Protein backbone atom coordinates (compact mmCIF):
# COMPACT_ATOMS: atom_id res chain seq x y z
CA MET A 1 101.55 101.25 73.00
CA ILE A 2 101.72 103.41 76.72
CA LYS A 3 98.19 102.91 78.23
CA VAL A 4 97.75 106.17 80.57
CA TYR A 5 95.49 105.86 83.25
CA THR A 6 93.48 108.93 84.89
CA GLY A 7 92.10 109.38 88.30
CA LEU A 8 92.32 107.95 91.45
CA LYS A 9 94.16 104.71 89.51
CA GLY A 10 96.55 107.14 88.08
CA ASN A 11 97.45 108.87 90.93
CA LEU A 12 97.80 105.89 92.69
CA ILE A 13 100.74 104.27 89.87
CA VAL A 14 102.45 107.96 90.09
CA PHE A 15 102.14 107.41 94.39
CA PHE A 16 104.32 104.34 93.70
CA PHE A 17 106.39 105.40 90.85
CA ILE A 18 107.85 108.54 93.67
CA ALA A 19 107.84 106.30 96.23
CA GLY A 20 110.18 103.70 94.37
CA ILE A 21 112.16 107.28 93.16
CA ILE A 22 112.37 108.37 96.90
CA LEU A 23 113.78 104.98 97.87
CA PHE A 24 116.39 104.77 95.70
CA LEU A 25 117.57 107.89 96.24
CA SER A 26 117.64 108.27 99.74
CA ILE A 27 119.40 104.90 99.88
CA PHE A 28 121.89 106.33 97.06
CA PHE A 29 122.38 109.57 98.81
CA TRP A 30 121.88 109.54 102.41
CA GLY A 31 122.66 105.79 103.06
CA VAL A 32 120.43 103.24 104.60
CA GLU A 33 120.71 104.82 108.57
CA LYS A 34 119.71 108.15 107.78
CA ALA A 35 116.57 106.67 104.74
CA VAL A 36 115.54 105.09 107.86
CA GLN A 37 115.62 107.60 110.19
CA LEU A 38 113.41 110.36 107.87
CA LEU A 39 111.25 107.65 105.92
CA LEU A 40 110.29 105.05 108.73
CA PRO A 41 108.37 107.92 110.55
CA LEU A 42 106.34 108.70 107.47
CA LEU A 43 106.09 105.51 106.38
CA ILE A 44 104.24 104.16 109.95
CA VAL A 45 101.98 107.30 110.00
CA LEU A 46 101.03 106.74 106.00
CA SER A 47 100.35 102.92 107.19
CA TYR A 48 98.42 103.28 109.56
CA VAL A 49 96.47 106.41 108.00
CA LEU A 50 95.62 103.56 105.51
CA ILE A 51 94.42 101.22 107.90
CA ALA A 52 91.88 104.10 109.48
CA ILE A 53 90.72 104.25 105.87
CA PHE A 54 89.69 101.13 105.36
CA VAL A 55 88.61 100.48 108.78
CA LEU A 56 86.39 103.74 109.53
CA GLY A 57 85.47 104.83 106.03
CA ILE A 58 85.28 101.41 103.50
CA LEU A 59 83.91 99.06 106.25
CA PRO A 60 81.13 100.79 107.11
CA ALA A 61 80.60 101.65 103.48
CA THR A 62 79.63 98.52 103.30
CA PHE A 63 75.75 98.58 103.98
CA PHE A 64 74.96 100.65 101.52
CA LYS A 65 74.50 97.95 98.59
CA ASP A 66 75.38 100.65 95.56
CA LEU A 67 78.56 101.38 96.91
CA ARG A 68 79.72 97.83 96.80
CA PRO A 69 81.88 97.92 93.27
CA ALA A 70 83.66 100.57 93.98
CA LEU A 71 84.48 99.94 98.08
CA ALA A 72 86.04 96.74 96.58
CA VAL A 73 87.88 98.88 94.13
CA TYR A 74 89.29 101.38 96.46
CA SER A 75 90.13 98.34 98.89
CA VAL A 76 92.34 96.93 96.24
CA LEU A 77 93.87 100.40 95.52
CA ILE A 78 94.55 100.84 99.18
CA SER A 79 95.91 97.35 100.28
CA HIS A 80 98.07 98.04 97.55
CA ALA A 81 99.53 101.01 98.98
CA LEU A 82 99.69 99.34 102.04
CA GLY A 83 101.66 96.52 100.80
CA VAL A 84 104.40 98.96 99.05
CA VAL A 85 104.19 100.79 102.45
CA THR A 86 105.18 97.61 103.96
CA TRP A 87 107.64 96.64 101.46
CA MET A 88 109.61 99.54 102.27
CA VAL A 89 109.62 99.48 105.80
CA SER A 90 110.44 95.70 105.80
CA PHE A 91 113.54 96.69 103.08
CA PHE A 92 114.88 98.89 105.35
CA PHE A 93 114.36 96.54 108.22
CA VAL A 94 116.53 94.07 106.18
CA ILE A 95 119.15 96.14 105.06
CA LYS A 96 119.41 97.46 108.50
CA THR A 97 119.18 94.40 110.26
CA PHE A 98 120.96 91.62 108.20
CA GLY A 99 123.17 94.02 105.54
CA LEU A 100 123.03 93.53 101.61
CA GLY A 101 123.58 89.51 103.26
CA GLY A 102 119.72 89.80 103.71
CA ILE A 103 118.47 91.61 100.33
CA PHE A 104 120.28 88.03 98.92
CA LEU A 105 119.10 86.13 101.65
CA ALA A 106 115.06 87.89 100.76
CA LEU A 107 115.76 87.44 96.98
CA LEU A 108 116.54 83.65 97.38
CA PHE A 109 112.83 82.42 99.28
CA GLN A 110 110.75 85.65 97.35
CA PHE A 111 109.38 87.22 100.35
CA LEU A 112 110.65 90.26 102.10
CA ALA A 113 107.98 91.02 104.94
CA PRO A 114 108.75 87.79 107.19
CA ILE A 115 112.10 88.17 106.94
CA ALA A 116 112.19 91.53 108.23
CA ILE A 117 109.99 90.54 111.23
CA ALA A 118 112.78 87.47 111.74
CA GLY A 119 114.96 90.18 112.47
CA ALA A 120 112.76 91.71 114.24
CA ILE A 121 112.10 89.23 116.51
CA LEU A 122 116.04 88.51 116.47
CA LYS A 123 117.14 91.85 117.31
CA GLY A 124 114.77 91.99 120.09
CA SER A 125 112.66 94.82 117.92
CA TRP A 126 108.99 93.48 119.24
CA PRO A 127 107.18 97.14 117.75
CA MET A 128 109.16 96.80 114.18
CA ALA A 129 107.20 93.54 114.29
CA GLY A 130 104.25 94.26 115.19
CA HIS A 131 103.77 97.13 112.94
CA LEU A 132 104.64 94.51 110.29
CA SER A 133 102.65 91.86 111.22
CA VAL A 134 99.61 94.19 111.44
CA TRP A 135 100.42 95.31 107.98
CA ILE A 136 100.44 92.84 106.05
CA CYS A 137 97.31 91.11 108.03
CA PHE A 138 95.47 94.49 106.48
CA THR A 139 97.23 94.11 103.61
CA TYR A 140 95.74 90.53 102.66
CA GLY A 141 92.78 91.04 104.57
CA MET A 142 91.58 94.12 102.18
CA ARG A 143 92.51 92.16 99.34
CA TYR A 144 89.85 89.22 100.59
CA TYR A 145 87.72 91.73 101.57
CA SER A 146 87.50 93.09 98.47
CA GLN A 147 86.57 89.42 96.91
CA TRP A 148 84.44 88.92 99.70
CA VAL A 149 82.69 92.61 98.72
CA VAL A 150 82.11 91.49 94.40
CA ASN A 151 80.83 87.97 95.96
CA LEU A 152 78.05 90.32 97.56
CA ASN A 153 77.09 91.60 94.43
CA PRO A 154 74.02 89.32 93.00
CA ARG A 155 74.92 89.95 89.29
CA ASN A 156 78.16 87.73 90.24
CA GLN A 157 75.99 85.36 92.68
CA GLU A 158 73.66 84.29 89.57
CA LYS A 159 76.96 83.87 86.81
CA ARG A 160 78.15 81.14 89.97
CA ASP A 161 75.42 79.22 91.02
CA ILE A 162 74.04 75.84 89.64
CA ILE A 163 70.71 75.81 88.76
CA ASP A 164 68.18 73.51 89.49
CA ILE A 165 66.27 72.12 86.31
CA GLU A 166 63.60 69.63 87.21
CA ALA A 167 64.47 66.45 85.30
CA THR A 168 61.41 64.58 84.10
CA GLU A 169 61.52 60.96 82.46
CA VAL A 170 60.84 60.93 78.96
CA GLN A 171 59.18 57.79 78.49
CA GLY A 172 58.98 56.48 74.80
CA HIS A 173 55.39 55.41 73.93
């Protein structure tokens, strides 16, 4: 059975799917160099728009207790969108820096962004290393933030609290 998502979650799934298709087709038809030239500026702008939405919109709204459950969901969704952008930029940079051997290296160690940061540092591309570091920090920071917001909900705190029960000594007569 195929599950159909609607609303914001469905739109983000479609966005991720389209982003993957664009990444594959751009590399296939234009090559890595042309794809990097066309998509990298867009991805950088998109990443900082996502960070701005988080910092200027979601963080201040945490003061409103009624919004916290929705903010946790939005934070996770924005975190995943930023993670996709970070992955795409890392993929481009690893291919550009290390060639196809870099992708093998990334698959071998199962992480791409730290390899892209190392490649950026080795190539002397400090701005790219800085961008990737900021994006990784915000990606995981948003996820931890969403967990923190969920834990602020009194219902969730009640489930985890240890209930103090006064124990009375029972003596037999």
